Amino acid sequence: MSGVWVFKNGVIRLVENPPAGSGKVLVYEPTGEVISSYSSLERILTGLGWERYYDDPDLLQFHKSSSIDLISVPKDFSKLKSVHMYDIVVKIPNKFRVRDMN
């Protein structure tokens, strides 16, 4: 088993494949879900009306037609840093939060 154990609201659970070395996690506030993979991030963003762009082979990019914002994150989830997480928080207020792993 690899990952990080996260304790929240009296419950402890394993978050697999956390971003390496950041000491931070991205949390989807409505459900409290810790984003532990791009598949979970893409599922949530798609549900919020964001569309995937396929222009850059080194990045995952998402755009919402009702805004000028573009979310860009490295294609390798292990390279996701807190600056990328905060970018998502700023562009989608009240839905995401960056927290310390502990």
PDB file of N, CA and C in Angstrom:
ATOM      1  N   MET A   1       0.840  -1.178   0.000  1.00  0.00           N
ATOM      2  CA  MET A   1       0.000   0.000   0.000  1.00  0.00           C
ATOM      3  C   MET A   1       0.881   1.236   0.000  1.00  0.00           C
ATOM      4  N   SER A   2       0.605   2.188  -0.896  1.00  0.00           N
ATOM      5  CA  SER A   2       1.346   3.439  -0.881  1.00  0.00           C
ATOM      6  C   SER A   2       0.357   4.586  -0.898  1.00  0.00           C
ATOM      7  N   GLY A   3       0.765   5.680  -0.319  1.00  0.00           N
ATOM      8  CA  GLY A   3      -0.098   6.841  -0.260  1.00  0.00           C
ATOM      9  C   GLY A   3       0.086   7.578   1.044  1.00  0.00           C
ATOM     10  N   VAL A   4      -0.879   8.401   1.371  1.00  0.00           N
ATOM     11  CA  VAL A   4      -0.838   9.212   2.580  1.00  0.00           C
ATOM     12  C   VAL A   4      -2.131   8.985   3.341  1.00  0.00           C
ATOM     13  N   TRP A   5      -1.997   8.765   4.650  1.00  0.00           N
ATOM     14  CA  TRP A   5      -3.183   8.628   5.483  1.00  0.00           C
ATOM     15  C   TRP A   5      -3.675  10.013   5.855  1.00  0.00           C
ATOM     16  N   VAL A   6      -4.961  10.280   5.617  1.00  0.00           N
ATOM     17  CA  VAL A   6      -5.568  11.579   5.901  1.00  0.00           C
ATOM     18  C   VAL A   6      -6.639  11.382   6.966  1.00  0.00           C
ATOM     19  N   PHE A   7      -6.576  12.203   8.023  1.00  0.00           N
ATOM     20  CA  PHE A   7      -7.570  12.153   9.087  1.00  0.00           C
ATOM     21  C   PHE A   7      -8.471  13.368   8.954  1.00  0.00           C
ATOM     22  N   LYS A   8      -9.790  13.150   8.814  1.00  0.00           N
ATOM     23  CA  LYS A   8     -10.737  14.243   8.665  1.00  0.00           C
ATOM     24  C   LYS A   8     -12.075  13.841   9.262  1.00  0.00           C
ATOM     25  N   ASN A   9     -12.641  14.731  10.075  1.00  0.00           N
ATOM     26  CA  ASN A   9     -13.953  14.517  10.682  1.00  0.00           C
ATOM     27  C   ASN A   9     -14.059  13.161  11.393  1.00  0.00           C
ATOM     28  N   GLY A  10     -12.993  12.791  12.083  1.00  0.00           N
ATOM     29  CA  GLY A  10     -13.015  11.546  12.836  1.00  0.00           C
ATOM     30  C   GLY A  10     -12.807  10.290  12.018  1.00  0.00           C
ATOM     31  N   VAL A  11     -12.508  10.438  10.743  1.00  0.00           N
ATOM     32  CA  VAL A  11     -12.319   9.288   9.853  1.00  0.00           C
ATOM     33  C   VAL A  11     -10.917   9.350   9.265  1.00  0.00           C
ATOM     34  N   ILE A  12     -10.232   8.214   9.264  1.00  0.00           N
ATOM     35  CA  ILE A  12      -8.915   8.153   8.647  1.00  0.00           C
ATOM     36  C   ILE A  12      -9.018   7.304   7.384  1.00  0.00           C
ATOM     37  N   ARG A  13      -8.365   7.762   6.322  1.00  0.00           N
ATOM     38  CA  ARG A  13      -8.394   6.994   5.076  1.00  0.00           C
ATOM     39  C   ARG A  13      -7.104   7.197   4.316  1.00  0.00           C
ATOM     40  N   LEU A  14      -6.814   6.252   3.438  1.00  0.00           N
ATOM     41  CA  LEU A  14      -5.603   6.284   2.636  1.00  0.00           C
ATOM     42  C   LEU A  14      -5.874   7.034   1.340  1.00  0.00           C
ATOM     43  N   VAL A  15      -5.045   8.038   1.060  1.00  0.00           N
ATOM     44  CA  VAL A  15      -5.111   8.750  -0.212  1.00  0.00           C
ATOM     45  C   VAL A  15      -3.927   8.252  -1.029  1.00  0.00           C
ATOM     46  N   GLU A  16      -4.227   7.531  -2.106  1.00  0.00           N
ATOM     47  CA  GLU A  16      -3.173   6.968  -2.933  1.00  0.00           C
ATOM     48  C   GLU A  16      -2.671   7.999  -3.937  1.00  0.00           C
ATOM     49  N   ASN A  17      -1.382   7.931  -4.242  1.00  0.00           N
ATOM     50  CA  ASN A  17      -0.737   8.790  -5.226  1.00  0.00           C
ATOM     51  C   ASN A  17      -0.911  10.281  -4.947  1.00  0.00           C
ATOM     52  N   PRO A  18      -0.611  10.753  -3.734  1.00  0.00           N
ATOM     53  CA  PRO A  18      -0.696  12.191  -3.509  1.00  0.00           C
ATOM     54  C   PRO A  18       0.394  12.898  -4.290  1.00  0.00           C
ATOM     55  N   PRO A  19       0.224  14.172  -4.607  1.00  0.00           N
ATOM     56  CA  PRO A  19       1.281  14.906  -5.300  1.00  0.00           C
ATOM     57  C   PRO A  19       2.570  14.853  -4.478  1.00  0.00           C
ATOM     58  N   ALA A  20       3.677  14.533  -5.118  1.00  0.00           N
ATOM     59  CA  ALA A  20       4.936  14.326  -4.410  1.00  0.00           C
ATOM     60  C   ALA A  20       5.495  15.619  -3.844  1.00  0.00           C
ATOM     61  N   GLY A  21       5.859  15.570  -2.576  1.00  0.00           N
ATOM     62  CA  GLY A  21       6.616  16.642  -1.963  1.00  0.00           C
ATOM     63  C   GLY A  21       5.902  17.951  -1.737  1.00  0.00           C
ATOM     64  N   SER A  22       4.650  18.063  -2.044  1.00  0.00           N
ATOM     65  CA  SER A  22       4.004  19.364  -1.898  1.00  0.00           C
ATOM     66  C   SER A  22       3.558  19.631  -0.479  1.00  0.00           C
ATOM     67  N   GLY A  23       3.250  18.576   0.272  1.00  0.00           N
ATOM     68  CA  GLY A  23       2.751  18.756   1.621  1.00  0.00           C
ATOM     69  C   GLY A  23       1.323  19.278   1.642  1.00  0.00           C
ATOM     70  N   LYS A  24       0.716  19.397   0.486  1.00  0.00           N
ATOM     71  CA  LYS A  24      -0.645  19.929   0.348  1.00  0.00           C
ATOM     72  C   LYS A  24      -1.503  18.941  -0.423  1.00  0.00           C
ATOM     73  N   VAL A  25      -2.813  19.033  -0.200  1.00  0.00           N
ATOM     74  CA  VAL A  25      -3.769  18.261  -0.987  1.00  0.00           C
ATOM     75  C   VAL A  25      -4.873  19.195  -1.462  1.00  0.00           C
ATOM     76  N   LEU A  26      -5.454  18.872  -2.595  1.00  0.00           N
ATOM     77  CA  LEU A  26      -6.582  19.610  -3.144  1.00  0.00           C
ATOM     78  C   LEU A  26      -7.848  18.875  -2.730  1.00  0.00           C
ATOM     79  N   VAL A  27      -8.780  19.608  -2.142  1.00  0.00           N
ATOM     80  CA  VAL A  27     -10.005  19.001  -1.625  1.00  0.00           C
ATOM     81  C   VAL A  27     -11.206  19.610  -2.337  1.00  0.00           C
ATOM     82  N   TYR A  28     -12.111  18.742  -2.800  1.00  0.00           N
ATOM     83  CA  TYR A  28     -13.378  19.185  -3.374  1.00  0.00           C
ATOM     84  C   TYR A  28     -14.332  19.383  -2.210  1.00  0.00           C
ATOM     85  N   GLU A  29     -14.611  20.632  -1.885  1.00  0.00           N
ATOM     86  CA  GLU A  29     -15.344  20.996  -0.675  1.00  0.00           C
ATOM     87  C   GLU A  29     -16.754  20.402  -0.550  1.00  0.00           C
ATOM     88  N   PRO A  30     -17.582  20.381  -1.608  1.00  0.00           N
ATOM     89  CA  PRO A  30     -18.941  19.853  -1.416  1.00  0.00           C
ATOM     90  C   PRO A  30     -18.998  18.425  -0.882  1.00  0.00           C
ATOM     91  N   THR A  31     -17.994  17.605  -1.205  1.00  0.00           N
ATOM     92  CA  THR A  31     -18.007  16.216  -0.745  1.00  0.00           C
ATOM     93  C   THR A  31     -16.873  15.894   0.229  1.00  0.00           C
ATOM     94  N   GLY A  32     -15.894  16.782   0.334  1.00  0.00           N
ATOM     95  CA  GLY A  32     -14.728  16.515   1.168  1.00  0.00           C
ATOM     96  C   GLY A  32     -13.737  15.571   0.521  1.00  0.00           C
ATOM     97  N   GLU A  33     -13.916  15.281  -0.756  1.00  0.00           N
ATOM     98  CA  GLU A  33     -13.039  14.344  -1.472  1.00  0.00           C
ATOM     99  C   GLU A  33     -11.661  14.953  -1.686  1.00  0.00           C
ATOM    100  N   VAL A  34     -10.632  14.222  -1.286  1.00  0.00           N
ATOM    101  CA  VAL A  34      -9.253  14.608  -1.576  1.00  0.00           C
ATOM    102  C   VAL A  34      -8.946  14.153  -2.989  1.00  0.00           C
ATOM    103  N   ILE A  35      -8.519  15.066  -3.826  1.00  0.00           N
ATOM    104  CA  ILE A  35      -8.216  14.729  -5.218  1.00  0.00           C
ATOM    105  C   ILE A  35      -6.899  13.961  -5.247  1.00  0.00           C
ATOM    106  N   SER A  36      -6.983  12.681  -5.581  1.00  0.00           N
ATOM    107  CA  SER A  36      -5.806  11.816  -5.544  1.00  0.00           C
ATOM    108  C   SER A  36      -5.392  11.330  -6.931  1.00  0.00           C
ATOM    109  N   SER A  37      -6.105  11.778  -7.968  1.00  0.00           N
ATOM    110  CA  SER A  37      -5.754  11.391  -9.335  1.00  0.00           C
ATOM    111  C   SER A  37      -6.390  12.378 -10.307  1.00  0.00           C
ATOM    112  N   TYR A  38      -5.868  12.392 -11.513  1.00  0.00           N
ATOM    113  CA  TYR A  38      -6.463  13.261 -12.526  1.00  0.00           C
ATOM    114  C   TYR A  38      -7.830  12.760 -12.965  1.00  0.00           C
ATOM    115  N   SER A  39      -8.076  11.468 -12.851  1.00  0.00           N
ATOM    116  CA  SER A  39      -9.400  10.979 -13.241  1.00  0.00           C
ATOM    117  C   SER A  39     -10.471  11.544 -12.311  1.00  0.00           C
ATOM    118  N   SER A  40     -10.184  11.641 -11.016  1.00  0.00           N
ATOM    119  CA  SER A  40     -11.173  12.235 -10.110  1.00  0.00           C
ATOM    120  C   SER A  40     -11.307  13.737 -10.345  1.00  0.00           C
ATOM    121  N   LEU A  41     -10.194  14.421 -10.615  1.00  0.00           N
ATOM    122  CA  LEU A  41     -10.267  15.860 -10.912  1.00  0.00           C
ATOM    123  C   LEU A  41     -11.064  16.104 -12.186  1.00  0.00           C
ATOM    124  N   GLU A  42     -10.785  15.322 -13.234  1.00  0.00           N
ATOM    125  CA  GLU A  42     -11.497  15.502 -14.495  1.00  0.00           C
ATOM    126  C   GLU A  42     -12.993  15.216 -14.334  1.00  0.00           C
ATOM    127  N   ARG A  43     -13.339  14.195 -13.562  1.00  0.00           N
ATOM    128  CA  ARG A  43     -14.749  13.870 -13.315  1.00  0.00           C
ATOM    129  C   ARG A  43     -15.468  15.055 -12.664  1.00  0.00           C
ATOM    130  N   ILE A  44     -14.847  15.666 -11.679  1.00  0.00           N
ATOM    131  CA  ILE A  44     -15.465  16.794 -10.976  1.00  0.00           C
ATOM    132  C   ILE A  44     -15.538  18.018 -11.877  1.00  0.00           C
ATOM    133  N   LEU A  45     -14.445  18.327 -12.573  1.00  0.00           N
ATOM    134  CA  LEU A  45     -14.446  19.501 -13.455  1.00  0.00           C
ATOM    135  C   LEU A  45     -15.476  19.363 -14.569  1.00  0.00           C
ATOM    136  N   THR A  46     -15.593  18.176 -15.143  1.00  0.00           N
ATOM    137  CA  THR A  46     -16.592  17.941 -16.185  1.00  0.00           C
ATOM    138  C   THR A  46     -18.000  18.151 -15.628  1.00  0.00           C
ATOM    139  N   GLY A  47     -18.226  17.684 -14.414  1.00  0.00           N
ATOM    140  CA  GLY A  47     -19.522  17.880 -13.769  1.00  0.00           C
ATOM    141  C   GLY A  47     -19.835  19.344 -13.498  1.00  0.00           C
ATOM    142  N   LEU A  48     -18.790  20.169 -13.377  1.00  0.00           N
ATOM    143  CA  LEU A  48     -18.968  21.603 -13.148  1.00  0.00           C
ATOM    144  C   LEU A  48     -19.008  22.399 -14.447  1.00  0.00           C
ATOM    145  N   GLY A  49     -18.994  21.701 -15.589  1.00  0.00           N
ATOM    146  CA  GLY A  49     -19.113  22.374 -16.879  1.00  0.00           C
ATOM    147  C   GLY A  49     -17.805  22.704 -17.578  1.00  0.00           C
ATOM    148  N   TRP A  50     -16.691  22.201 -17.078  1.00  0.00           N
ATOM    149  CA  TRP A  50     -15.392  22.427 -17.714  1.00  0.00           C
ATOM    150  C   TRP A  50     -15.164  21.365 -18.792  1.00  0.00           C
ATOM    151  N   GLU A  51     -14.511  21.772 -19.860  1.00  0.00           N
ATOM    152  CA  GLU A  51     -14.221  20.867 -20.979  1.00  0.00           C
ATOM    153  C   GLU A  51     -12.718  20.676 -21.099  1.00  0.00           C
ATOM    154  N   ARG A  52     -12.323  19.481 -21.481  1.00  0.00           N
ATOM    155  CA  ARG A  52     -10.899  19.175 -21.647  1.00  0.00           C
ATOM    156  C   ARG A  52     -10.400  19.685 -22.984  1.00  0.00           C
ATOM    157  N   TYR A  53      -9.221  20.304 -22.971  1.00  0.00           N
ATOM    158  CA  TYR A  53      -8.501  20.708 -24.176  1.00  0.00           C
ATOM    159  C   TYR A  53      -7.382  19.702 -24.416  1.00  0.00           C
ATOM    160  N   TYR A  54      -7.069  19.447 -25.665  1.00  0.00           N
ATOM    161  CA  TYR A  54      -6.039  18.460 -25.992  1.00  0.00           C
ATOM    162  C   TYR A  54      -4.898  19.063 -26.807  1.00  0.00           C
ATOM    163  N   ASP A  55      -4.644  20.366 -26.673  1.00  0.00           N
ATOM    164  CA  ASP A  55      -3.652  21.048 -27.501  1.00  0.00           C
ATOM    165  C   ASP A  55      -2.203  20.773 -27.110  1.00  0.00           C
ATOM    166  N   ASP A  56      -1.915  20.617 -25.830  1.00  0.00           N
ATOM    167  CA  ASP A  56      -0.541  20.486 -25.362  1.00  0.00           C
ATOM    168  C   ASP A  56      -0.308  19.072 -24.814  1.00  0.00           C
ATOM    169  N   PRO A  57       0.636  18.343 -25.380  1.00  0.00           N
ATOM    170  CA  PRO A  57       0.857  16.960 -24.934  1.00  0.00           C
ATOM    171  C   PRO A  57       1.450  16.852 -23.530  1.00  0.00           C
ATOM    172  N   ASP A  58       2.012  17.932 -23.000  1.00  0.00           N
ATOM    173  CA  ASP A  58       2.636  17.899 -21.678  1.00  0.00           C
ATOM    174  C   ASP A  58       1.715  18.371 -20.556  1.00  0.00           C
ATOM    175  N   LEU A  59       0.529  18.865 -20.925  1.00  0.00           N
ATOM    176  CA  LEU A  59      -0.390  19.426 -19.941  1.00  0.00           C
ATOM    177  C   LEU A  59      -1.783  18.828 -20.072  1.00  0.00           C
ATOM    178  N   LEU A  60      -2.500  18.816 -18.964  1.00  0.00           N
ATOM    179  CA  LEU A  60      -3.941  18.594 -18.995  1.00  0.00           C
ATOM    180  C   LEU A  60      -4.545  19.978 -18.862  1.00  0.00           C
ATOM    181  N   GLN A  61      -5.430  20.334 -19.777  1.00  0.00           N
ATOM    182  CA  GLN A  61      -6.025  21.665 -19.759  1.00  0.00           C
ATOM    183  C   GLN A  61      -7.539  21.560 -19.808  1.00  0.00           C
ATOM    184  N   PHE A  62      -8.178  22.477 -19.072  1.00  0.00           N
ATOM    185  CA  PHE A  62      -9.632  22.520 -18.999  1.00  0.00           C
ATOM    186  C   PHE A  62     -10.088  23.951 -19.197  1.00  0.00           C
ATOM    187  N   HIS A  63     -11.198  24.118 -19.917  1.00  0.00           N
ATOM    188  CA  HIS A  63     -11.769  25.440 -20.196  1.00  0.00           C
ATOM    189  C   HIS A  63     -13.267  25.378 -19.992  1.00  0.00           C
ATOM    190  N   LYS A  64     -13.815  26.474 -19.517  1.00  0.00           N
ATOM    191  CA  LYS A  64     -15.261  26.578 -19.366  1.00  0.00           C
ATOM    192  C   LYS A  64     -15.730  27.633 -20.352  1.00  0.00           C
ATOM    193  N   SER A  65     -16.712  27.298 -21.177  1.00  0.00           N
ATOM    194  CA  SER A  65     -17.137  28.203 -22.251  1.00  0.00           C
ATOM    195  C   SER A  65     -17.677  29.524 -21.731  1.00  0.00           C
ATOM    196  N   SER A  66     -18.161  29.564 -20.491  1.00  0.00           N
ATOM    197  CA  SER A  66     -18.714  30.805 -19.952  1.00  0.00           C
ATOM    198  C   SER A  66     -17.649  31.684 -19.285  1.00  0.00           C
ATOM    199  N   SER A  67     -16.375  31.302 -19.398  1.00  0.00           N
ATOM    200  CA  SER A  67     -15.323  32.112 -18.776  1.00  0.00           C
ATOM    201  C   SER A  67     -14.102  32.174 -19.684  1.00  0.00           C
ATOM    202  N   ILE A  68     -13.175  33.050 -19.313  1.00  0.00           N
ATOM    203  CA  ILE A  68     -11.923  33.144 -20.066  1.00  0.00           C
ATOM    204  C   ILE A  68     -10.822  32.303 -19.419  1.00  0.00           C
ATOM    205  N   ASP A  69     -11.150  31.649 -18.307  1.00  0.00           N
ATOM    206  CA  ASP A  69     -10.154  30.894 -17.551  1.00  0.00           C
ATOM    207  C   ASP A  69      -9.755  29.597 -18.238  1.00  0.00           C
ATOM    208  N   LEU A  70      -8.493  29.259 -18.066  1.00  0.00           N
ATOM    209  CA  LEU A  70      -7.941  28.000 -18.542  1.00  0.00           C
ATOM    210  C   LEU A  70      -7.160  27.386 -17.394  1.00  0.00           C
ATOM    211  N   ILE A  71      -7.508  26.178 -17.025  1.00  0.00           N
ATOM    212  CA  ILE A  71      -6.784  25.452 -15.987  1.00  0.00           C
ATOM    213  C   ILE A  71      -5.769  24.559 -16.684  1.00  0.00           C
ATOM    214  N   SER A  72      -4.493  24.702 -16.313  1.00  0.00           N
ATOM    215  CA  SER A  72      -3.424  23.887 -16.883  1.00  0.00           C
ATOM    216  C   SER A  72      -2.652  23.232 -15.758  1.00  0.00           C
ATOM    217  N   VAL A  73      -2.509  21.919 -15.833  1.00  0.00           N
ATOM    218  CA  VAL A  73      -1.752  21.164 -14.843  1.00  0.00           C
ATOM    219  C   VAL A  73      -0.827  20.204 -15.582  1.00  0.00           C
ATOM    220  N   PRO A  74       0.319  19.846 -14.965  1.00  0.00           N
ATOM    221  CA  PRO A  74       1.227  18.908 -15.636  1.00  0.00           C
ATOM    222  C   PRO A  74       0.555  17.559 -15.851  1.00  0.00           C
ATOM    223  N   LYS A  75       0.873  16.922 -16.958  1.00  0.00           N
ATOM    224  CA  LYS A  75       0.236  15.653 -17.300  1.00  0.00           C
ATOM    225  C   LYS A  75       0.548  14.552 -16.279  1.00  0.00           C
ATOM    226  N   ASP A  76       1.695  14.636 -15.645  1.00  0.00           N
ATOM    227  CA  ASP A  76       2.100  13.665 -14.625  1.00  0.00           C
ATOM    228  C   ASP A  76       1.583  14.154 -13.269  1.00  0.00           C
ATOM    229  N   PHE A  77       0.649  13.409 -12.659  1.00  0.00           N
ATOM    230  CA  PHE A  77       0.030  13.829 -11.396  1.00  0.00           C
ATOM    231  C   PHE A  77       1.058  14.024 -10.286  1.00  0.00           C
ATOM    232  N   SER A  78       2.142  13.270 -10.326  1.00  0.00           N
ATOM    233  CA  SER A  78       3.166  13.401  -9.291  1.00  0.00           C
ATOM    234  C   SER A  78       3.877  14.756  -9.358  1.00  0.00           C
ATOM    235  N   LYS A  79       3.714  15.481 -10.445  1.00  0.00           N
ATOM    236  CA  LYS A  79       4.328  16.810 -10.597  1.00  0.00           C
ATOM    237  C   LYS A  79       3.360  17.943 -10.265  1.00  0.00           C
ATOM    238  N   LEU A  80       2.163  17.604  -9.823  1.00  0.00           N
ATOM    239  CA  LEU A  80       1.192  18.615  -9.410  1.00  0.00           C
ATOM    240  C   LEU A  80       1.700  19.292  -8.142  1.00  0.00           C
ATOM    241  N   LYS A  81       1.848  20.595  -8.191  1.00  0.00           N
ATOM    242  CA  LYS A  81       2.369  21.371  -7.057  1.00  0.00           C
ATOM    243  C   LYS A  81       1.267  22.245  -6.481  1.00  0.00           C
ATOM    244  N   SER A  82       1.545  22.830  -5.334  1.00  0.00           N
ATOM    245  CA  SER A  82       0.543  23.669  -4.680  1.00  0.00           C
ATOM    246  C   SER A  82       0.151  24.867  -5.551  1.00  0.00           C
ATOM    247  N   VAL A  83       1.069  25.377  -6.355  1.00  0.00           N
ATOM    248  CA  VAL A  83       0.721  26.504  -7.234  1.00  0.00           C
ATOM    249  C   VAL A  83      -0.386  26.105  -8.222  1.00  0.00           C
ATOM    250  N   HIS A  84      -0.371  24.868  -8.702  1.00  0.00           N
ATOM    251  CA  HIS A  84      -1.429  24.384  -9.590  1.00  0.00           C
ATOM    252  C   HIS A  84      -2.744  24.250  -8.836  1.00  0.00           C
ATOM    253  N   MET A  85      -2.643  23.761  -7.591  1.00  0.00           N
ATOM    254  CA  MET A  85      -3.846  23.599  -6.774  1.00  0.00           C
ATOM    255  C   MET A  85      -4.498  24.950  -6.488  1.00  0.00           C
ATOM    256  N   TYR A  86      -3.678  25.938  -6.114  1.00  0.00           N
ATOM    257  CA  TYR A  86      -4.227  27.265  -5.825  1.00  0.00           C
ATOM    258  C   TYR A  86      -4.817  27.911  -7.076  1.00  0.00           C
ATOM    259  N   ASP A  87      -4.256  27.608  -8.236  1.00  0.00           N
ATOM    260  CA  ASP A  87      -4.816  28.107  -9.494  1.00  0.00           C
ATOM    261  C   ASP A  87      -6.242  27.591  -9.680  1.00  0.00           C
ATOM    262  N   ILE A  88      -6.461  26.329  -9.361  1.00  0.00           N
ATOM    263  CA  ILE A  88      -7.807  25.737  -9.460  1.00  0.00           C
ATOM    264  C   ILE A  88      -8.745  26.401  -8.455  1.00  0.00           C
ATOM    265  N   VAL A  89      -8.255  26.615  -7.233  1.00  0.00           N
ATOM    266  CA  VAL A  89      -9.074  27.251  -6.192  1.00  0.00           C
ATOM    267  C   VAL A  89      -9.513  28.652  -6.623  1.00  0.00           C
ATOM    268  N   VAL A  90      -8.605  29.422  -7.194  1.00  0.00           N
ATOM    269  CA  VAL A  90      -8.922  30.791  -7.623  1.00  0.00           C
ATOM    270  C   VAL A  90      -9.924  30.786  -8.776  1.00  0.00           C
ATOM    271  N   LYS A  91      -9.784  29.853  -9.691  1.00  0.00           N
ATOM    272  CA  LYS A  91     -10.651  29.828 -10.870  1.00  0.00           C
ATOM    273  C   LYS A  91     -12.008  29.187 -10.611  1.00  0.00           C
ATOM    274  N   ILE A  92     -12.113  28.410  -9.546  1.00  0.00           N
ATOM    275  CA  ILE A  92     -13.386  27.781  -9.190  1.00  0.00           C
ATOM    276  C   ILE A  92     -13.635  28.042  -7.698  1.00  0.00           C
ATOM    277  N   PRO A  93     -13.989  29.274  -7.355  1.00  0.00           N
ATOM    278  CA  PRO A  93     -14.161  29.615  -5.939  1.00  0.00           C
ATOM    279  C   PRO A  93     -15.297  28.831  -5.283  1.00  0.00           C
ATOM    280  N   ASN A  94     -15.147  28.573  -4.000  1.00  0.00           N
ATOM    281  CA  ASN A  94     -16.140  27.902  -3.161  1.00  0.00           C
ATOM    282  C   ASN A  94     -16.348  26.426  -3.501  1.00  0.00           C
ATOM    283  N   LYS A  95     -15.526  25.852  -4.344  1.00  0.00           N
ATOM    284  CA  LYS A  95     -15.653  24.425  -4.679  1.00  0.00           C
ATOM    285  C   LYS A  95     -14.428  23.624  -4.246  1.00  0.00           C
ATOM    286  N   PHE A  96     -13.261  24.257  -4.292  1.00  0.00           N
ATOM    287  CA  PHE A  96     -12.021  23.571  -3.945  1.00  0.00           C
ATOM    288  C   PHE A  96     -11.293  24.332  -2.851  1.00  0.00           C
ATOM    289  N   ARG A  97     -10.469  23.596  -2.110  1.00  0.00           N
ATOM    290  CA  ARG A  97      -9.629  24.189  -1.081  1.00  0.00           C
ATOM    291  C   ARG A  97      -8.316  23.421  -1.056  1.00  0.00           C
ATOM    292  N   VAL A  98      -7.233  24.130  -0.755  1.00  0.00           N
ATOM    293  CA  VAL A  98      -5.928  23.485  -0.572  1.00  0.00           C
ATOM    294  C   VAL A  98      -5.710  23.365   0.932  1.00  0.00           C
ATOM    295  N   ARG A  99      -5.354  22.161   1.361  1.00  0.00           N
ATOM    296  CA  ARG A  99      -5.107  21.906   2.786  1.00  0.00           C
ATOM    297  C   ARG A  99      -3.762  21.216   2.962  1.00  0.00           C
ATOM    298  N   ASP A 100      -3.234  21.338   4.167  1.00  0.00           N
ATOM    299  CA  ASP A 100      -2.050  20.571   4.515  1.00  0.00           C
ATOM    300  C   ASP A 100      -2.424  19.103   4.578  1.00  0.00           C
ATOM    301  N   MET A 101      -1.472  18.245   4.223  1.00  0.00           N
ATOM    302  CA  MET A 101      -1.736  16.796   4.258  1.00  0.00           C
ATOM    303  C   MET A 101      -2.062  16.322   5.667  1.00  0.00           C
ATOM    304  N   ASN A 102      -1.467  16.931   6.654  1.00  0.00           N
ATOM    305  CA  ASN A 102      -1.665  16.476   8.041  1.00  0.00           C
ATOM    306  C   ASN A 102      -2.819  17.118   8.705  1.00  0.00           C
TER     307      ASN A 102
END
